[in-house]
Amino acid sequence: MKTIFKALKTVLITRGYIFLTIAAFIIFLFLYLVTLPASYTGGYSSLEALEYLNPTLISFSVLMALLVALMMPLILYLLRQGQASSKSSAAGGLVIGFLAPMLCCSPLLPIAVGFIASLLPALGGSFGIHIQAFIAMHQIELFSFASLLLLFALYQNAKKVVNGVCCKT
């Protein structure tokens, strides 16, 4: 945690990075607030999903939006310093956070499984329904895993900021 605080202290001294952090938090908070309740809205993300928010979904929305918002200035700072940022963990966290509620109750998964089953007939049957049931039953665990991936990506990028630009000989 000290590494993250030290990196944020280094990066967030510039107004542009502070603005980026605030803007990213607001945008991602909105996106998560309308996306995470998708399992209650039949897989659709819209403003109507706000009616289905509960304290757990609000907490995950705030947590994941905060982690993404804190990671954005670190990634931009690293890119401006000529270093490679760690984006794979962040991408994994974002994908899981957005797709888990949408795959639970939307027709996307059965359509995808139906397409795959048309190519491989042995995969047919109720395979898609079992996956949807698994996602619906373990949605909180998937959100927790997405949050941990985002935290890990934040730490990786913070470590690179703290270590600074190093010359290789």
Protein backbone atom coordinates (compact mmCIF):
# COMPACT_ATOMS: atom_id res chain seq x y z
CA MET A 1 0.00 0.00 0.00
CA LYS A 2 2.90 2.35 0.67
CA THR A 3 3.98 1.92 -2.94
CA ILE A 4 0.56 2.96 -4.22
CA PHE A 5 0.42 6.03 -1.96
CA LYS A 6 3.95 7.04 -2.90
CA ALA A 7 3.20 6.72 -6.63
CA LEU A 8 -0.04 8.68 -6.33
CA LYS A 9 1.77 11.37 -4.35
CA THR A 10 4.33 11.60 -7.16
CA VAL A 11 1.81 11.72 -9.99
CA LEU A 12 -1.09 13.68 -8.50
CA ILE A 13 0.91 16.86 -7.93
CA THR A 14 -0.09 17.98 -11.42
CA ARG A 15 -3.55 19.48 -11.98
CA GLY A 16 -4.02 17.61 -15.25
CA TYR A 17 -3.58 14.25 -13.54
CA ILE A 18 -5.94 15.28 -10.74
CA PHE A 19 -8.56 16.31 -13.31
CA LEU A 20 -8.07 13.02 -15.20
CA THR A 21 -8.56 11.06 -11.96
CA ILE A 22 -11.76 12.90 -11.05
CA ALA A 23 -13.18 12.67 -14.57
CA ALA A 24 -12.32 8.95 -14.84
CA PHE A 25 -13.94 8.27 -11.47
CA ILE A 26 -17.18 10.01 -12.46
CA ILE A 27 -17.35 8.30 -15.85
CA PHE A 28 -16.52 4.80 -14.57
CA LEU A 29 -18.78 5.17 -11.54
CA PHE A 30 -21.69 5.93 -13.86
CA LEU A 31 -20.77 3.01 -16.14
CA TYR A 32 -20.50 0.57 -13.24
CA LEU A 33 -23.72 1.82 -11.62
CA VAL A 34 -25.71 1.10 -14.78
CA THR A 35 -23.83 -2.09 -15.69
CA LEU A 36 -23.54 -4.08 -12.46
CA PRO A 37 -27.32 -4.44 -11.93
CA ALA A 38 -27.66 -5.97 -15.43
CA SER A 39 -28.39 -9.36 -13.89
CA TYR A 40 -31.63 -7.86 -12.54
CA THR A 41 -32.58 -6.14 -15.81
CA GLY A 42 -32.26 -9.09 -18.17
CA GLY A 43 -28.73 -8.20 -19.20
CA TYR A 44 -29.49 -4.65 -20.28
CA SER A 45 -27.53 -1.65 -19.09
CA SER A 46 -29.54 1.54 -18.92
CA LEU A 47 -30.62 4.22 -16.48
CA GLU A 48 -33.47 1.94 -15.46
CA ALA A 49 -30.84 -0.32 -13.85
CA LEU A 50 -30.31 2.32 -11.17
CA GLU A 51 -33.60 1.19 -9.58
CA TYR A 52 -32.07 -2.23 -8.90
CA LEU A 53 -28.96 -1.01 -7.10
CA ASN A 54 -28.36 -2.40 -3.64
CA PRO A 55 -25.59 -1.57 -1.14
CA THR A 56 -23.39 -4.39 -2.42
CA LEU A 57 -23.59 -3.28 -6.06
CA ILE A 58 -23.04 0.36 -5.09
CA SER A 59 -19.97 -0.64 -3.05
CA PHE A 60 -18.47 -2.61 -5.94
CA SER A 61 -19.27 0.24 -8.34
CA VAL A 62 -17.47 2.77 -6.16
CA LEU A 63 -14.53 0.43 -5.49
CA MET A 64 -13.93 -0.53 -9.12
CA ALA A 65 -14.44 3.05 -10.38
CA LEU A 66 -11.95 4.30 -7.78
CA LEU A 67 -9.36 1.70 -8.71
CA VAL A 68 -9.69 2.45 -12.42
CA ALA A 69 -9.62 6.20 -11.78
CA LEU A 70 -6.43 5.93 -9.70
CA MET A 71 -4.81 3.73 -12.31
CA MET A 72 -5.47 6.09 -15.25
CA PRO A 73 -3.03 8.86 -14.25
CA LEU A 74 -0.37 6.28 -13.38
CA ILE A 75 -0.62 4.69 -16.82
CA LEU A 76 -0.53 8.07 -18.56
CA TYR A 77 2.43 9.15 -16.42
CA LEU A 78 4.34 5.98 -17.29
CA LEU A 79 3.62 6.40 -20.98
CA ARG A 80 4.83 9.99 -20.87
CA GLN A 81 8.00 8.82 -19.11
CA GLY A 82 8.62 6.33 -21.91
CA GLN A 83 7.90 3.27 -19.79
CA ALA A 84 5.52 0.45 -20.53
CA SER A 85 2.52 0.28 -18.23
CA SER A 86 0.89 -2.90 -16.92
CA LYS A 87 -2.43 -2.99 -18.76
CA SER A 88 -3.23 -6.69 -18.89
CA SER A 89 -4.44 -6.98 -15.27
CA ALA A 90 -6.42 -3.78 -15.64
CA ALA A 91 -8.04 -5.04 -18.83
CA GLY A 92 -8.94 -8.33 -17.13
CA GLY A 93 -10.53 -6.50 -14.21
CA LEU A 94 -12.51 -4.22 -16.50
CA VAL A 95 -13.72 -7.07 -18.69
CA ILE A 96 -14.84 -9.24 -15.77
CA GLY A 97 -16.47 -6.28 -14.03
CA PHE A 98 -18.50 -5.31 -17.08
CA LEU A 99 -19.25 -8.70 -18.65
CA ALA A 100 -20.21 -10.77 -15.60
CA PRO A 101 -23.58 -9.08 -14.97
CA MET A 102 -24.37 -8.84 -18.68
CA LEU A 103 -23.69 -12.53 -19.39
CA CYS A 104 -25.80 -13.69 -16.48
CA CYS A 105 -29.23 -12.93 -17.84
CA SER A 106 -28.78 -11.66 -21.36
CA PRO A 107 -29.23 -13.64 -24.57
CA LEU A 108 -25.53 -13.10 -25.49
CA LEU A 109 -24.27 -16.29 -23.88
CA PRO A 110 -26.92 -18.66 -25.29
CA ILE A 111 -26.38 -17.16 -28.75
CA ALA A 112 -22.60 -17.63 -28.48
CA VAL A 113 -22.99 -21.19 -27.19
CA GLY A 114 -25.54 -21.90 -29.93
CA PHE A 115 -23.09 -20.68 -32.55
CA ILE A 116 -20.30 -22.82 -31.09
CA ALA A 117 -22.68 -25.79 -30.84
CA SER A 118 -23.51 -25.43 -34.52
CA LEU A 119 -19.80 -25.88 -35.22
CA LEU A 120 -19.31 -28.58 -32.58
CA PRO A 121 -22.63 -30.47 -32.16
CA ALA A 122 -21.42 -32.30 -29.04
CA LEU A 123 -21.44 -28.99 -27.17
CA GLY A 124 -25.18 -28.42 -27.56
CA GLY A 125 -27.86 -28.87 -24.98
CA SER A 126 -28.13 -26.72 -21.87
CA PHE A 127 -24.44 -25.78 -21.65
CA GLY A 128 -25.16 -22.03 -21.93
CA ILE A 129 -27.82 -22.17 -19.24
CA HIS A 130 -25.35 -23.77 -16.83
CA ILE A 131 -22.81 -21.03 -17.50
CA GLN A 132 -25.46 -18.34 -16.94
CA ALA A 133 -26.50 -20.02 -13.71
CA PHE A 134 -22.88 -20.16 -12.55
CA ILE A 135 -22.39 -16.45 -13.29
CA ALA A 136 -25.64 -15.53 -11.52
CA MET A 137 -24.75 -17.65 -8.47
CA HIS A 138 -21.17 -16.36 -8.23
CA GLN A 139 -21.60 -12.76 -9.33
CA ILE A 140 -20.20 -11.30 -6.09
CA GLU A 141 -17.13 -13.55 -6.31
CA LEU A 142 -16.59 -12.43 -9.91
CA PHE A 143 -16.84 -8.77 -8.86
CA SER A 144 -14.39 -9.46 -6.04
CA PHE A 145 -11.98 -11.11 -8.47
CA ALA A 146 -12.31 -8.15 -10.86
CA SER A 147 -11.57 -5.76 -7.99
CA LEU A 148 -8.49 -7.75 -7.01
CA LEU A 149 -7.26 -7.70 -10.61
CA LEU A 150 -7.69 -3.94 -10.71
CA LEU A 151 -5.87 -3.56 -7.39
CA PHE A 152 -3.04 -5.74 -8.67
CA ALA A 153 -2.78 -3.64 -11.85
CA LEU A 154 -2.77 -0.46 -9.75
CA TYR A 155 0.05 -1.87 -7.64
CA GLN A 156 2.07 -2.96 -10.70
CA ASN A 157 1.83 0.48 -12.25
CA ALA A 158 2.54 2.21 -8.92
CA LYS A 159 5.67 0.10 -8.50
CA LYS A 160 6.89 1.20 -11.93
CA VAL A 161 6.26 4.85 -11.07
CA VAL A 162 8.14 4.56 -7.76
CA ASN A 163 11.08 2.74 -9.36
CA GLY A 164 11.31 5.45 -12.02
CA VAL A 165 13.04 5.35 -15.37
CA CYS A 166 16.07 3.08 -15.20
CA CYS A 167 18.80 2.88 -17.80
CA LYS A 168 19.66 -0.62 -18.96
CA THR A 169 23.31 -1.25 -19.79
